Protein backbone atom coordinates (compact mmCIF):
# COMPACT_ATOMS: atom_id res chain seq x y z
CA MET A 1 131.09 68.58 97.17
CA LYS A 2 134.64 67.64 96.42
CA SER A 3 135.99 70.82 94.35
CA ILE A 4 135.59 74.73 94.13
CA LYS A 5 134.35 74.18 90.88
CA GLU A 6 131.20 72.38 92.06
CA LEU A 7 130.77 75.03 94.75
CA GLU A 8 130.65 77.67 91.84
CA GLU A 9 128.24 75.50 89.98
CA ILE A 10 125.69 75.23 93.20
CA ARG A 11 126.26 79.26 93.72
CA LYS A 12 125.31 79.89 90.02
CA LYS A 13 122.29 77.74 90.09
CA THR A 14 121.25 79.36 93.14
CA LEU A 15 121.51 82.96 91.87
CA ASP A 16 119.74 81.80 88.90
CA THR A 17 116.80 80.75 90.75
CA ILE A 18 116.93 83.93 93.09
CA ASN A 19 116.96 86.32 90.09
CA ILE A 20 114.02 84.22 88.29
CA ARG A 21 112.00 85.38 91.34
CA ARG A 22 113.21 88.77 91.37
CA ASP A 23 113.02 89.29 87.42
CA ARG A 24 109.82 87.73 87.09
CA THR A 25 107.72 89.73 84.45
CA GLY A 26 104.26 88.10 85.13
CA THR A 27 102.14 88.54 87.97
CA ARG A 28 102.46 87.68 91.39
CA ILE A 29 99.89 86.73 94.11
CA VAL A 30 101.24 86.43 97.68
CA VAL A 31 99.20 84.88 100.60
CA GLY A 32 100.39 85.75 104.37
CA MET A 33 100.53 82.22 105.55
CA ALA A 34 102.24 82.97 108.83
CA THR A 35 100.33 82.12 112.32
CA CYS A 36 98.33 85.00 112.30
CA GLY A 37 97.05 84.47 108.68
CA ILE A 38 96.51 80.72 108.88
CA ALA A 39 94.30 81.36 112.27
CA ALA A 40 92.58 83.68 110.29
CA GLY A 41 91.40 81.47 107.37
CA ALA A 42 94.46 81.99 104.99
CA ARG A 43 94.73 78.21 104.21
CA PRO A 44 91.36 78.16 102.33
CA VAL A 45 92.17 81.63 100.64
CA LEU A 46 95.33 80.28 99.34
CA LEU A 47 93.84 76.91 98.32
CA THR A 48 91.17 79.14 96.04
CA VAL A 49 93.64 81.39 94.60
CA MET A 50 95.86 78.07 93.48
CA ASP A 51 92.50 76.40 92.00
CA GLU A 52 91.88 79.40 90.27
CA VAL A 53 94.64 80.27 88.81
CA LYS A 54 94.96 76.63 87.65
CA LYS A 55 91.66 76.29 86.25
CA ASN A 56 92.22 79.81 83.94
CA ASN A 57 95.34 78.05 83.03
CA LEU A 58 97.27 81.40 84.09
CA SER A 59 100.77 80.31 83.24
CA ASP A 60 102.25 83.81 83.67
CA VAL A 61 100.97 84.16 87.32
CA ALA A 62 102.73 82.74 90.29
CA VAL A 63 101.34 82.14 93.54
CA ALA A 64 103.58 82.17 96.75
CA GLN A 65 103.32 81.98 100.69
CA THR A 66 105.16 84.46 102.57
CA GLY A 67 105.30 84.96 106.73
CA CYS A 68 103.94 87.59 108.35
CA ILE A 69 103.02 90.68 106.39
CA GLY A 70 102.71 92.68 109.64
CA MET A 71 99.03 93.49 109.98
CA CYS A 72 97.56 90.59 111.77
CA ARG A 73 94.11 92.12 112.53
CA LEU A 74 93.75 92.45 108.97
CA GLU A 75 94.63 89.02 108.08
CA PRO A 76 94.16 86.98 105.81
CA LEU A 77 96.23 89.04 103.79
CA VAL A 78 96.64 88.91 99.81
CA GLU A 79 99.34 90.83 97.84
CA VAL A 80 99.22 91.04 94.18
CA TYR A 81 102.04 92.31 92.02
CA ARG A 82 101.68 93.25 88.45
CA PRO A 83 104.34 94.38 85.99
CA GLY A 84 104.59 97.93 85.89
CA GLU A 85 101.88 98.48 88.64
CA ASP A 86 102.14 99.34 92.29
CA LYS A 87 101.40 96.52 94.73
CA VAL A 88 97.79 96.03 96.16
CA THR A 89 97.03 94.44 99.41
CA TYR A 90 94.07 93.30 99.89
CA VAL A 91 92.47 92.49 103.54
CA LYS A 92 90.38 89.86 105.42
CA VAL A 93 90.22 88.06 102.02
CA THR A 94 87.87 85.42 101.95
CA SER A 95 87.54 82.48 99.35
CA ALA A 96 84.80 84.52 97.59
CA LYS A 97 87.01 87.63 97.77
CA ALA A 98 90.16 85.47 96.50
CA LEU A 99 87.74 84.44 93.56
CA ARG A 100 86.91 88.33 92.61
CA ILE A 101 90.69 89.19 92.98
CA VAL A 102 91.90 86.53 90.43
CA ASN A 103 89.07 87.01 88.20
CA GLU A 104 88.86 91.01 88.28
CA HIS A 105 92.25 92.13 89.22
CA VAL A 106 94.73 89.54 88.09
CA MET A 107 92.90 88.69 84.77
CA GLN A 108 91.26 91.91 84.01
CA GLY A 109 93.44 94.30 85.31
CA LYS A 110 90.55 96.09 87.76
CA ILE A 111 91.64 96.24 91.29
CA VAL A 112 88.46 95.43 93.64
CA ASP A 113 88.84 98.59 95.53
CA GLU A 114 86.39 97.63 98.59
CA TYR A 115 88.74 94.85 99.44
CA THR A 116 92.16 96.62 99.75
CA ILE A 117 93.89 98.28 102.90
CA GLY A 118 92.98 101.53 101.56
CA ALA A 119 89.37 100.78 101.92
CA GLU A 120 89.59 99.32 105.33
CA ASP A 121 91.00 102.63 106.71
CA LYS A 122 87.82 104.44 105.51
């Protein structure tokens, strides 16, 4: 970096990247990958979600990782954000559950109620 102009270009590029994440119009699937999630089996869940998204050519679906979501006893956690809908948090997710979440919730819009945090509290 040799000038203010170069610094401003870096700033603009960084802001554009951040805004892409914030303004995304498609579905976002977030898997908790903190130590607690990984210990509970989140890595195979993440890989299953990524494979299923790729297999079904879901170009409007972004898969992301996050740190601790704050409910370690319910790990692995998966959150699904669909445009215009409330976030849905799935708990104690396995690879088999992840397949259902992608196929039913993400692709068909049908929340898999029995895997949600609300069902766990009952």
